[in-house]
């Protein structure tokens, strides 16, 4: 099996334009891919090929100024790019038959899937993906923090001798980091644990053909959230504490499985293109540090709610009311 180190650059539209396009397409399109960069490695992580193509956008045709400054891609380059259907067909042929994607972070593949959906193209071949950022964390200091590619390069003493935010350059740097890791072991553990998660699922995804939830309260009341089961043994999970609501519509709750101990359900609620709601939720083992942080934040949240709650004036008794009227 080969590995494909993949990186994308994408253009974005202003909110009103993006919303209008999504309503017309009846699917989510947060950004439009304008550059694909990839490096192919064999099973021993030797570099054996590279791919780069500039993609001509169909929906967000004008390059956003910030994207142009960041990537160096200008309007003329976009206008002379290759339409996505042709670019993807070439890329898919270049990938070959037996391969898995290595990405840095979780954003590139969902973005590519959104773009393929908008063009009514097949995305089923994108299913085998490993987030190298998670493998890096697990094989270095065990951190749960999102580390930048530059951080990993500095950690391994890899010189950044090419400009960043070029899809091929970033794919190349990701490949160099991969060569410093035990990718085979990381992939084996990743398959066993699904990254850091025992379960990862989206509910209410209108893009995926689901109906979507009419309100956030409907999401929170769904059985997948209120009555989850253990991904390892299918036993019903018992809630240990209240659900914690954090900024950005993020929710966390601690559960317990009789056989596999304490588990976290973490959920991120998002709005669908049609105004309904969806949620991505994961179930993952709860370590001691994570549980301690969750309980502290839950306590702080409860204290904050008490401080904000207005004090009610005590109701007057009939005798006090009579005195007030007399005065």
C-alpha atoms as a PDB file:
ATOM      1  CA  UNK A   1       0.000   0.000   0.000  1.00  0.00           C
ATOM      2  CA  UNK A   2       1.143   3.540  -0.799  1.00  0.00           C
ATOM      3  CA  UNK A   3       0.521   6.638   1.267  1.00  0.00           C
ATOM      4  CA  UNK A   4      -0.681   9.908  -0.296  1.00  0.00           C
ATOM      5  CA  UNK A   5       0.295  12.994   1.679  1.00  0.00           C
ATOM      6  CA  UNK A   6      -2.452  15.460   0.700  1.00  0.00           C
ATOM      7  CA  UNK A   7      -2.918  19.196   1.127  1.00  0.00           C
ATOM      8  CA  UNK A   8      -5.500  21.580  -0.341  1.00  0.00           C
ATOM      9  CA  UNK A   9      -5.888  25.303  -0.719  1.00  0.00           C
ATOM     10  CA  UNK A  10      -9.377  26.726  -1.106  1.00  0.00           C
ATOM     11  CA  UNK A  11     -11.079  29.989  -1.923  1.00  0.00           C
ATOM     12  CA  UNK A  12     -13.836  31.394   0.252  1.00  0.00           C
ATOM     13  CA  UNK A  13     -16.757  33.672  -0.465  1.00  0.00           C
ATOM     14  CA  UNK A  14     -18.295  36.272   1.788  1.00  0.00           C
ATOM     15  CA  UNK A  15     -21.111  34.934   3.950  1.00  0.00           C
ATOM     16  CA  UNK A  16     -24.039  36.212   1.867  1.00  0.00           C
ATOM     17  CA  UNK A  17     -22.618  34.827  -1.386  1.00  0.00           C
ATOM     18  CA  UNK A  18     -21.756  31.492   0.226  1.00  0.00           C
ATOM     19  CA  UNK A  19     -25.259  31.122   1.679  1.00  0.00           C
ATOM     20  CA  UNK A  20     -26.886  31.899  -1.681  1.00  0.00           C
ATOM     21  CA  UNK A  21     -24.720  29.288  -3.434  1.00  0.00           C
ATOM     22  CA  UNK A  22     -25.468  26.645  -0.809  1.00  0.00           C
ATOM     23  CA  UNK A  23     -29.208  27.220  -1.084  1.00  0.00           C
ATOM     24  CA  UNK A  24     -29.011  26.932  -4.868  1.00  0.00           C
ATOM     25  CA  UNK A  25     -26.931  23.742  -4.717  1.00  0.00           C
ATOM     26  CA  UNK A  26     -28.868  22.321  -1.758  1.00  0.00           C
ATOM     27  CA  UNK A  27     -25.621  21.231  -0.164  1.00  0.00           C
ATOM     28  CA  UNK A  28     -22.876  22.618   2.054  1.00  0.00           C
ATOM     29  CA  UNK A  29     -19.976  24.428   0.371  1.00  0.00           C
ATOM     30  CA  UNK A  30     -17.844  26.394   2.841  1.00  0.00           C
ATOM     31  CA  UNK A  31     -14.997  26.901   0.390  1.00  0.00           C
ATOM     32  CA  UNK A  32     -14.016  25.934  -3.136  1.00  0.00           C
ATOM     33  CA  UNK A  33     -10.810  23.985  -3.772  1.00  0.00           C
ATOM     34  CA  UNK A  34      -8.338  25.953  -5.927  1.00  0.00           C
ATOM     35  CA  UNK A  35      -5.170  23.875  -5.523  1.00  0.00           C
ATOM     36  CA  UNK A  36      -4.422  20.200  -4.895  1.00  0.00           C
ATOM     37  CA  UNK A  37      -0.967  19.132  -3.795  1.00  0.00           C
ATOM     38  CA  UNK A  38       0.114  15.587  -2.999  1.00  0.00           C
ATOM     39  CA  UNK A  39       3.211  13.483  -2.439  1.00  0.00           C
ATOM     40  CA  UNK A  40       3.198   9.709  -2.889  1.00  0.00           C
ATOM     41  CA  UNK A  41       5.185   7.469  -0.518  1.00  0.00           C
ATOM     42  CA  UNK A  42       5.679   3.723  -0.741  1.00  0.00           C
ATOM     43  CA  UNK A  43       5.076   1.369   2.199  1.00  0.00           C
ATOM     44  CA  UNK A  44       8.590   2.162   3.473  1.00  0.00           C
ATOM     45  CA  UNK A  45       7.856   5.913   3.292  1.00  0.00           C
ATOM     46  CA  UNK A  46      10.176   6.557   0.364  1.00  0.00           C
ATOM     47  CA  UNK A  47       9.034   9.488  -1.789  1.00  0.00           C
ATOM     48  CA  UNK A  48       8.048   8.131  -5.194  1.00  0.00           C
ATOM     49  CA  UNK A  49       5.954  10.872  -6.824  1.00  0.00           C
ATOM     50  CA  UNK A  50       4.250  14.248  -6.541  1.00  0.00           C
ATOM     51  CA  UNK A  51       1.153  15.963  -7.902  1.00  0.00           C
ATOM     52  CA  UNK A  52       0.073  19.598  -8.079  1.00  0.00           C
ATOM     53  CA  UNK A  53      -2.760  21.248  -9.991  1.00  0.00           C
ATOM     54  CA  UNK A  54      -4.501  24.611  -9.873  1.00  0.00           C
ATOM     55  CA  UNK A  55      -8.284  24.273  -9.987  1.00  0.00           C
ATOM     56  CA  UNK A  56     -10.581  26.735 -11.720  1.00  0.00           C
ATOM     57  CA  UNK A  57     -13.497  27.491  -9.350  1.00  0.00           C
ATOM     58  CA  UNK A  58     -17.079  27.262 -10.561  1.00  0.00           C
ATOM     59  CA  UNK A  59     -19.014  28.863  -7.698  1.00  0.00           C
ATOM     60  CA  UNK A  60     -16.653  31.269  -5.877  1.00  0.00           C
ATOM     61  CA  UNK A  61     -14.931  32.552  -8.996  1.00  0.00           C
ATOM     62  CA  UNK A  62     -13.274  35.693  -7.608  1.00  0.00           C
ATOM     63  CA  UNK A  63     -10.190  35.092  -5.457  1.00  0.00           C
ATOM     64  CA  UNK A  64     -10.588  36.504  -1.967  1.00  0.00           C
ATOM     65  CA  UNK A  65      -7.842  38.992  -1.169  1.00  0.00           C
ATOM     66  CA  UNK A  66      -6.804  37.201   2.015  1.00  0.00           C
ATOM     67  CA  UNK A  67      -6.542  33.862   0.175  1.00  0.00           C
ATOM     68  CA  UNK A  68      -4.432  35.496  -2.556  1.00  0.00           C
ATOM     69  CA  UNK A  69      -2.021  36.982   0.006  1.00  0.00           C
ATOM     70  CA  UNK A  70      -1.785  33.685   1.878  1.00  0.00           C
ATOM     71  CA  UNK A  71      -1.299  31.337  -1.071  1.00  0.00           C
ATOM     72  CA  UNK A  72       0.186  33.520  -3.817  1.00  0.00           C
ATOM     73  CA  UNK A  73      -2.543  32.287  -6.172  1.00  0.00           C
ATOM     74  CA  UNK A  74      -3.965  35.210  -8.179  1.00  0.00           C
ATOM     75  CA  UNK A  75      -7.052  35.654 -10.330  1.00  0.00           C
ATOM     76  CA  UNK A  76      -5.236  34.957 -13.595  1.00  0.00           C
ATOM     77  CA  UNK A  77      -3.971  31.628 -12.256  1.00  0.00           C
ATOM     78  CA  UNK A  78      -7.509  30.664 -11.253  1.00  0.00           C
ATOM     79  CA  UNK A  79      -8.967  31.689 -14.600  1.00  0.00           C
ATOM     80  CA  UNK A  80      -6.472  29.411 -16.377  1.00  0.00           C
ATOM     81  CA  UNK A  81      -6.876  26.527 -13.940  1.00  0.00           C
ATOM     82  CA  UNK A  82      -8.354  23.094 -14.609  1.00  0.00           C
ATOM     83  CA  UNK A  83     -12.055  22.517 -13.809  1.00  0.00           C
ATOM     84  CA  UNK A  84     -12.533  20.317 -10.761  1.00  0.00           C
ATOM     85  CA  UNK A  85     -14.053  17.271 -12.537  1.00  0.00           C
ATOM     86  CA  UNK A  86     -11.018  16.993 -14.815  1.00  0.00           C
ATOM     87  CA  UNK A  87      -8.525  17.797 -12.037  1.00  0.00           C
ATOM     88  CA  UNK A  88     -10.026  15.139  -9.758  1.00  0.00           C
ATOM     89  CA  UNK A  89     -10.072  12.509 -12.488  1.00  0.00           C
ATOM     90  CA  UNK A  90      -6.367  13.117 -13.131  1.00  0.00           C
ATOM     91  CA  UNK A  91      -5.624  13.045  -9.408  1.00  0.00           C
ATOM     92  CA  UNK A  92      -7.543   9.841  -8.842  1.00  0.00           C
ATOM     93  CA  UNK A  93      -5.634   8.095 -11.643  1.00  0.00           C
ATOM     94  CA  UNK A  94      -2.352   9.358 -10.187  1.00  0.00           C
ATOM     95  CA  UNK A  95      -3.220   7.972  -6.726  1.00  0.00           C
ATOM     96  CA  UNK A  96      -3.426   4.427  -8.096  1.00  0.00           C
ATOM     97  CA  UNK A  97      -5.342   1.480  -6.663  1.00  0.00           C
ATOM     98  CA  UNK A  98      -4.063   0.715  -3.163  1.00  0.00           C
ATOM     99  CA  UNK A  99      -3.423   3.821  -1.067  1.00  0.00           C
ATOM    100  CA  UNK A 100      -4.347   5.740   2.070  1.00  0.00           C
ATOM    101  CA  UNK A 101      -4.344   9.481   2.597  1.00  0.00           C
ATOM    102  CA  UNK A 102      -2.179  11.205   5.189  1.00  0.00           C
ATOM    103  CA  UNK A 103      -3.368  14.701   6.086  1.00  0.00           C
ATOM    104  CA  UNK A 104      -2.267  17.213   8.681  1.00  0.00           C
ATOM    105  CA  UNK A 105      -5.434  17.987  10.600  1.00  0.00           C
ATOM    106  CA  UNK A 106      -9.055  17.028   9.912  1.00  0.00           C
ATOM    107  CA  UNK A 107     -10.117  19.709   7.409  1.00  0.00           C
ATOM    108  CA  UNK A 108      -8.883  18.746   3.929  1.00  0.00           C
ATOM    109  CA  UNK A 109     -10.884  15.607   3.208  1.00  0.00           C
ATOM    110  CA  UNK A 110     -14.266  17.019   4.388  1.00  0.00           C
ATOM    111  CA  UNK A 111     -13.598  20.105   2.245  1.00  0.00           C
ATOM    112  CA  UNK A 112     -12.856  17.930  -0.782  1.00  0.00           C
ATOM    113  CA  UNK A 113     -15.978  15.851  -0.106  1.00  0.00           C
ATOM    114  CA  UNK A 114     -18.084  19.037  -0.012  1.00  0.00           C
ATOM    115  CA  UNK A 115     -16.631  20.103  -3.371  1.00  0.00           C
ATOM    116  CA  UNK A 116     -17.238  16.724  -4.993  1.00  0.00           C
ATOM    117  CA  UNK A 117     -20.811  16.731  -3.703  1.00  0.00           C
ATOM    118  CA  UNK A 118     -21.393  20.210  -5.140  1.00  0.00           C
ATOM    119  CA  UNK A 119     -20.212  18.913  -8.547  1.00  0.00           C
ATOM    120  CA  UNK A 120     -22.227  15.677  -8.196  1.00  0.00           C
ATOM    121  CA  UNK A 121     -19.010  13.626  -8.243  1.00  0.00           C
ATOM    122  CA  UNK A 122     -18.246  10.371  -6.433  1.00  0.00           C
ATOM    123  CA  UNK A 123     -16.327  10.760  -3.181  1.00  0.00           C
ATOM    124  CA  UNK A 124     -16.450   7.190  -1.885  1.00  0.00           C
ATOM    125  CA  UNK A 125     -12.761   6.650  -2.740  1.00  0.00           C
ATOM    126  CA  UNK A 126     -11.748   9.178  -0.038  1.00  0.00           C
ATOM    127  CA  UNK A 127     -12.662   6.887   2.837  1.00  0.00           C
ATOM    128  CA  UNK A 128      -9.193   5.711   3.947  1.00  0.00           C
ATOM    129  CA  UNK A 129      -7.706   8.729   5.724  1.00  0.00           C
ATOM    130  CA  UNK A 130      -5.281   9.125   8.633  1.00  0.00           C
ATOM    131  CA  UNK A 131      -4.726  12.393  10.441  1.00  0.00           C
ATOM    132  CA  UNK A 132      -0.950  12.517  10.889  1.00  0.00           C
ATOM    133  CA  UNK A 133      -1.364  15.212  13.527  1.00  0.00           C
ATOM    134  CA  UNK A 134      -2.982  12.658  15.866  1.00  0.00           C
ATOM    135  CA  UNK A 135      -0.276  10.074  15.151  1.00  0.00           C
ATOM    136  CA  UNK A 136       2.401  12.703  15.829  1.00  0.00           C
ATOM    137  CA  UNK A 137       0.845  13.620  19.185  1.00  0.00           C
ATOM    138  CA  UNK A 138       0.452  10.009  20.215  1.00  0.00           C
ATOM    139  CA  UNK A 139       4.059   9.095  19.323  1.00  0.00           C
ATOM    140  CA  UNK A 140       5.656  12.186  20.907  1.00  0.00           C
ATOM    141  CA  UNK A 141       4.258  13.749  24.084  1.00  0.00           C
ATOM    142  CA  UNK A 142       0.721  12.346  24.026  1.00  0.00           C
ATOM    143  CA  UNK A 143      -0.791  15.826  23.852  1.00  0.00           C
ATOM    144  CA  UNK A 144      -4.408  16.358  22.809  1.00  0.00           C
ATOM    145  CA  UNK A 145      -3.619  19.849  21.491  1.00  0.00           C
ATOM    146  CA  UNK A 146      -3.835  20.664  17.789  1.00  0.00           C
ATOM    147  CA  UNK A 147      -0.227  21.110  16.747  1.00  0.00           C
ATOM    148  CA  UNK A 148       0.724  22.981  13.593  1.00  0.00           C
ATOM    149  CA  UNK A 149       2.757  21.378  10.829  1.00  0.00           C
ATOM    150  CA  UNK A 150       5.471  23.953  11.545  1.00  0.00           C
ATOM    151  CA  UNK A 151       5.584  22.736  15.164  1.00  0.00           C
ATOM    152  CA  UNK A 152       6.160  19.136  14.041  1.00  0.00           C
ATOM    153  CA  UNK A 153       8.855  20.211  11.587  1.00  0.00           C
ATOM    154  CA  UNK A 154      10.655  22.147  14.291  1.00  0.00           C
ATOM    155  CA  UNK A 155      10.323  19.178  16.654  1.00  0.00           C
ATOM    156  CA  UNK A 156      12.138  16.933  14.172  1.00  0.00           C
ATOM    157  CA  UNK A 157      14.602  19.580  12.970  1.00  0.00           C
ATOM    158  CA  UNK A 158      13.151  19.742   9.454  1.00  0.00           C
ATOM    159  CA  UNK A 159      14.128  22.952   7.683  1.00  0.00           C
ATOM    160  CA  UNK A 160      11.271  24.931   6.131  1.00  0.00           C
ATOM    161  CA  UNK A 161      13.090  25.833   2.924  1.00  0.00           C
ATOM    162  CA  UNK A 162       9.976  26.238   0.762  1.00  0.00           C
ATOM    163  CA  UNK A 163       7.081  28.713   1.101  1.00  0.00           C
ATOM    164  CA  UNK A 164       4.152  27.545   3.226  1.00  0.00           C
ATOM    165  CA  UNK A 165       0.507  27.598   2.066  1.00  0.00           C
ATOM    166  CA  UNK A 166       1.406  26.056  -1.265  1.00  0.00           C
ATOM    167  CA  UNK A 167      -0.455  22.759  -1.478  1.00  0.00           C
ATOM    168  CA  UNK A 168       2.472  20.739  -2.842  1.00  0.00           C
ATOM    169  CA  UNK A 169       5.002  22.271  -0.433  1.00  0.00           C
ATOM    170  CA  UNK A 170       2.779  21.558   2.569  1.00  0.00           C
ATOM    171  CA  UNK A 171       2.137  18.012   1.330  1.00  0.00           C
ATOM    172  CA  UNK A 172       5.908  17.567   0.976  1.00  0.00           C
ATOM    173  CA  UNK A 173       6.564  18.820   4.514  1.00  0.00           C
ATOM    174  CA  UNK A 174       3.836  16.493   5.815  1.00  0.00           C
ATOM    175  CA  UNK A 175       5.583  13.602   4.046  1.00  0.00           C
ATOM    176  CA  UNK A 176       8.909  14.539   5.691  1.00  0.00           C
ATOM    177  CA  UNK A 177       7.238  14.480   9.110  1.00  0.00           C
ATOM    178  CA  UNK A 178       5.698  11.100   8.257  1.00  0.00           C
ATOM    179  CA  UNK A 179       9.187   9.724   7.603  1.00  0.00           C
ATOM    180  CA  UNK A 180      10.116  10.564  11.211  1.00  0.00           C
ATOM    181  CA  UNK A 181       7.171   8.610  12.619  1.00  0.00           C
ATOM    182  CA  UNK A 182       6.225   4.937  12.831  1.00  0.00           C
ATOM    183  CA  UNK A 183       3.319   5.371  10.430  1.00  0.00           C
ATOM    184  CA  UNK A 184       2.521   1.649  10.183  1.00  0.00           C
ATOM    185  CA  UNK A 185       2.096   1.407  13.965  1.00  0.00           C
ATOM    186  CA  UNK A 186       0.165   4.673  14.005  1.00  0.00           C
ATOM    187  CA  UNK A 187      -2.199   3.421  11.317  1.00  0.00           C
ATOM    188  CA  UNK A 188      -2.753   0.116  13.134  1.00  0.00           C
ATOM    189  CA  UNK A 189      -3.619   1.918  16.359  1.00  0.00           C
ATOM    190  CA  UNK A 190      -5.687   4.439  14.429  1.00  0.00           C
ATOM    191  CA  UNK A 191      -7.786   1.674  12.848  1.00  0.00           C
ATOM    192  CA  UNK A 192      -8.267   0.034  16.219  1.00  0.00           C
ATOM    193  CA  UNK A 193      -9.264   3.263  17.988  1.00  0.00           C
ATOM    194  CA  UNK A 194     -10.491   5.385  15.024  1.00  0.00           C
ATOM    195  CA  UNK A 195      -7.950   8.053  15.823  1.00  0.00           C
ATOM    196  CA  UNK A 196      -8.527   9.334  19.338  1.00  0.00           C
ATOM    197  CA  UNK A 197     -12.159   8.197  19.206  1.00  0.00           C
ATOM    198  CA  UNK A 198     -13.981   4.932  19.737  1.00  0.00           C
ATOM    199  CA  UNK A 199     -16.875   6.276  17.685  1.00  0.00           C
ATOM    200  CA  UNK A 200     -17.306   9.249  15.349  1.00  0.00           C
ATOM    201  CA  UNK A 201     -20.701   9.994  13.835  1.00  0.00           C
ATOM    202  CA  UNK A 202     -22.782  12.822  12.353  1.00  0.00           C
ATOM    203  CA  UNK A 203     -26.520  13.048  12.983  1.00  0.00           C
ATOM    204  CA  UNK A 204     -28.971  15.314  11.207  1.00  0.00           C
ATOM    205  CA  UNK A 205     -26.708  15.924   8.204  1.00  0.00           C
ATOM    206  CA  UNK A 206     -28.940  17.360   5.478  1.00  0.00           C
ATOM    207  CA  UNK A 207     -26.086  17.005   2.962  1.00  0.00           C
ATOM    208  CA  UNK A 208     -26.038  13.280   3.619  1.00  0.00           C
ATOM    209  CA  UNK A 209     -29.749  12.874   2.921  1.00  0.00           C
ATOM    210  CA  UNK A 210     -30.945  13.140   6.521  1.00  0.00           C
ATOM    211  CA  UNK A 211     -33.787  15.436   7.501  1.00  0.00           C
ATOM    212  CA  UNK A 212     -31.852  17.648   9.923  1.00  0.00           C
ATOM    213  CA  UNK A 213     -33.067  18.792  13.334  1.00  0.00           C
ATOM    214  CA  UNK A 214     -35.395  21.814  13.504  1.00  0.00           C
ATOM    215  CA  UNK A 215     -33.837  23.200  16.718  1.00  0.00           C
ATOM    216  CA  UNK A 216     -30.750  22.712  18.911  1.00  0.00           C
ATOM    217  CA  UNK A 217     -33.047  21.322  21.607  1.00  0.00           C
ATOM    218  CA  UNK A 218     -34.142  18.595  19.196  1.00  0.00           C
ATOM    219  CA  UNK A 219     -30.500  17.580  18.708  1.00  0.00           C
ATOM    220  CA  UNK A 220     -29.938  17.407  22.461  1.00  0.00           C
ATOM    221  CA  UNK A 221     -33.071  15.295  22.839  1.00  0.00           C
ATOM    222  CA  UNK A 222     -32.100  12.690  20.247  1.00  0.00           C
ATOM    223  CA  UNK A 223     -31.552   9.167  21.542  1.00  0.00           C
ATOM    224  CA  UNK A 224     -27.977   9.137  20.195  1.00  0.00           C
ATOM    225  CA  UNK A 225     -27.209  11.905  22.687  1.00  0.00           C
ATOM    226  CA  UNK A 226     -29.465  11.007  25.612  1.00  0.00           C
ATOM    227  CA  UNK A 227     -29.072   7.199  25.481  1.00  0.00           C
ATOM    228  CA  UNK A 228     -25.691   6.330  23.904  1.00  0.00           C
ATOM    229  CA  UNK A 229     -24.221   2.833  24.013  1.00  0.00           C
ATOM    230  CA  UNK A 230     -20.614   1.759  24.425  1.00  0.00           C
ATOM    231  CA  UNK A 231     -18.912   1.454  21.009  1.00  0.00           C
ATOM    232  CA  UNK A 232     -16.891  -1.511  22.295  1.00  0.00           C
ATOM    233  CA  UNK A 233     -19.585  -3.721  23.851  1.00  0.00           C
ATOM    234  CA  UNK A 234     -22.934  -2.039  23.007  1.00  0.00           C
ATOM    235  CA  UNK A 235     -23.888  -1.786  26.681  1.00  0.00           C
ATOM    236  CA  UNK A 236     -26.040   1.240  27.616  1.00  0.00           C
ATOM    237  CA  UNK A 237     -23.928   4.069  29.026  1.00  0.00           C
ATOM    238  CA  UNK A 238     -24.836   5.672  32.338  1.00  0.00           C
ATOM    239  CA  UNK A 239     -24.491   9.470  32.616  1.00  0.00           C
ATOM    240  CA  UNK A 240     -22.170  10.488  35.443  1.00  0.00           C
ATOM    241  CA  UNK A 241     -22.750  14.256  35.401  1.00  0.00           C
ATOM    242  CA  UNK A 242     -24.705  16.960  33.633  1.00  0.00           C
ATOM    243  CA  UNK A 243     -23.920  17.985  30.066  1.00  0.00           C
ATOM    244  CA  UNK A 244     -21.391  20.831  29.752  1.00  0.00           C
ATOM    245  CA  UNK A 245     -22.169  23.529  27.182  1.00  0.00           C
ATOM    246  CA  UNK A 246     -19.098  25.392  25.892  1.00  0.00           C
ATOM    247  CA  UNK A 247     -18.633  28.214  23.381  1.00  0.00           C
ATOM    248  CA  UNK A 248     -19.247  27.447  19.736  1.00  0.00           C
ATOM    249  CA  UNK A 249     -22.163  25.089  20.430  1.00  0.00           C
ATOM    250  CA  UNK A 250     -19.900  22.388  21.865  1.00  0.00           C
ATOM    251  CA  UNK A 251     -21.167  19.916  24.451  1.00  0.00           C
ATOM    252  CA  UNK A 252     -19.430  17.370  26.677  1.00  0.00           C
ATOM    253  CA  UNK A 253     -20.863  14.738  28.995  1.00  0.00           C
ATOM    254  CA  UNK A 254     -19.224  12.017  31.058  1.00  0.00           C
ATOM    255  CA  UNK A 255     -20.691   8.505  30.881  1.00  0.00           C
ATOM    256  CA  UNK A 256     -19.763   5.157  32.363  1.00  0.00           C
ATOM    257  CA  UNK A 257     -19.704   1.669  30.870  1.00  0.00           C
ATOM    258  CA  UNK A 258     -19.816  -1.325  33.280  1.00  0.00           C
ATOM    259  CA  UNK A 259     -16.995  -3.047  31.367  1.00  0.00           C
ATOM    260  CA  UNK A 260     -14.942  -0.241  29.789  1.00  0.00           C
ATOM    261  CA  UNK A 261     -15.090   2.470  32.422  1.00  0.00           C
ATOM    262  CA  UNK A 262     -15.619   6.170  31.939  1.00  0.00           C
ATOM    263  CA  UNK A 263     -16.163   7.607  28.474  1.00  0.00           C
ATOM    264  CA  UNK A 264     -16.709  11.106  27.130  1.00  0.00           C
ATOM    265  CA  UNK A 265     -19.387  12.003  24.616  1.00  0.00           C
ATOM    266  CA  UNK A 266     -18.262  15.213  22.882  1.00  0.00           C
ATOM    267  CA  UNK A 267     -20.535  16.956  20.408  1.00  0.00           C
ATOM    268  CA  UNK A 268     -20.266  19.951  18.078  1.00  0.00           C
ATOM    269  CA  UNK A 269     -23.573  21.333  16.828  1.00  0.00           C
ATOM    270  CA  UNK A 270     -23.659  23.075  13.433  1.00  0.00           C
ATOM    271  CA  UNK A 271     -26.251  24.620  11.142  1.00  0.00           C
ATOM    272  CA  UNK A 272     -27.077  22.902   7.842  1.00  0.00           C
ATOM    273  CA  UNK A 273     -27.302  24.819   4.579  1.00  0.00           C
ATOM    274  CA  UNK A 274     -31.121  24.699   4.804  1.00  0.00           C
ATOM    275  CA  UNK A 275     -31.339  26.180   8.295  1.00  0.00           C
ATOM    276  CA  UNK A 276     -31.746  22.904  10.182  1.00  0.00           C
ATOM    277  CA  UNK A 277     -29.141  21.585  12.616  1.00  0.00           C
ATOM    278  CA  UNK A 278     -26.688  18.692  12.597  1.00  0.00           C
ATOM    279  CA  UNK A 279     -24.172  17.478  15.134  1.00  0.00           C
ATOM    280  CA  UNK A 280     -20.908  15.631  14.948  1.00  0.00           C
ATOM    281  CA  UNK A 281     -20.317  13.608  18.057  1.00  0.00           C
ATOM    282  CA  UNK A 282     -17.534  11.347  19.201  1.00  0.00           C
ATOM    283  CA  UNK A 283     -17.142   8.915  22.071  1.00  0.00           C
ATOM    284  CA  UNK A 284     -13.665   8.597  23.507  1.00  0.00           C
ATOM    285  CA  UNK A 285     -12.006   7.199  26.657  1.00  0.00           C
ATOM    286  CA  UNK A 286     -11.941   9.616  29.579  1.00  0.00           C
ATOM    287  CA  UNK A 287      -8.504   9.959  31.127  1.00  0.00           C
ATOM    288  CA  UNK A 288      -7.925  11.381  34.605  1.00  0.00           C
ATOM    289  CA  UNK A 289      -6.764  14.808  33.400  1.00  0.00           C
ATOM    290  CA  UNK A 290      -9.698  15.157  30.993  1.00  0.00           C
ATOM    291  CA  UNK A 291     -12.197  14.177  33.677  1.00  0.00           C
ATOM    292  CA  UNK A 292     -10.700  16.645  36.137  1.00  0.00           C
ATOM    293  CA  UNK A 293     -10.883  19.474  33.584  1.00  0.00           C
ATOM    294  CA  UNK A 294     -14.480  18.576  32.678  1.00  0.00           C
ATOM    295  CA  UNK A 295     -15.623  18.569  36.320  1.00  0.00           C
ATOM    296  CA  UNK A 296     -13.931  21.912  37.008  1.00  0.00           C
ATOM    297  CA  UNK A 297     -15.512  23.541  33.951  1.00  0.00           C
ATOM    298  CA  UNK A 298     -18.887  22.086  34.901  1.00  0.00           C
ATOM    299  CA  UNK A 299     -18.518  23.556  38.398  1.00  0.00           C
ATOM    300  CA  UNK A 300     -17.418  26.939  37.024  1.00  0.00           C
ATOM    301  CA  UNK A 301     -20.354  26.966  34.605  1.00  0.00           C
ATOM    302  CA  UNK A 302     -22.833  26.278  37.403  1.00  0.00           C
ATOM    303  CA  UNK A 303     -21.307  29.024  39.560  1.00  0.00           C
ATOM    304  CA  UNK A 304     -21.462  31.480  36.649  1.00  0.00           C
ATOM    305  CA  UNK A 305     -25.130  30.654  36.068  1.00  0.00           C
ATOM    306  CA  UNK A 306     -25.925  31.298  39.742  1.00  0.00           C
ATOM    307  CA  UNK A 307     -24.173  34.678  39.636  1.00  0.00           C
ATOM    308  CA  UNK A 308     -26.119  35.746  36.534  1.00  0.00           C
ATOM    309  CA  UNK A 309     -29.509  34.661  37.899  1.00  0.00           C
ATOM    310  CA  UNK A 310     -31.448  37.750  39.101  1.00  0.00           C
ATOM    311  CA  UNK A 311     -32.628  37.719  42.664  1.00  0.00           C
ATOM    312  CA  UNK A 312     -36.370  37.655  43.035  1.00  0.00           C
ATOM    313  CA  UNK A 313     -37.959  40.045  45.483  1.00  0.00           C
ATOM    314  CA  UNK A 314     -39.858  38.232  48.220  1.00  0.00           C
ATOM    315  CA  UNK A 315     -43.603  38.282  47.738  1.00  0.00           C
ATOM    316  CA  UNK A 316     -45.466  40.601  50.062  1.00  0.00           C
ATOM    317  CA  UNK A 317     -47.812  39.064  52.542  1.00  0.00           C
ATOM    318  CA  UNK A 318     -51.448  40.180  52.615  1.00  0.00           C
ATOM    319  CA  UNK A 319     -50.734  42.149  55.805  1.00  0.00           C
ATOM    320  CA  UNK A 320     -47.733  43.966  54.225  1.00  0.00           C
ATOM    321  CA  UNK A 321     -49.828  44.780  51.143  1.00  0.00           C
ATOM    322  CA  UNK A 322     -52.565  46.280  53.287  1.00  0.00           C
ATOM    323  CA  UNK A 323     -50.048  48.445  55.130  1.00  0.00           C
ATOM    324  CA  UNK A 324     -48.578  49.673  51.797  1.00  0.00           C
ATOM    325  CA  UNK A 325     -52.039  50.632  50.499  1.00  0.00           C
ATOM    326  CA  UNK A 326     -52.805  52.508  53.745  1.00  0.00           C
ATOM    327  CA  UNK A 327     -49.563  54.494  53.453  1.00  0.00           C
END
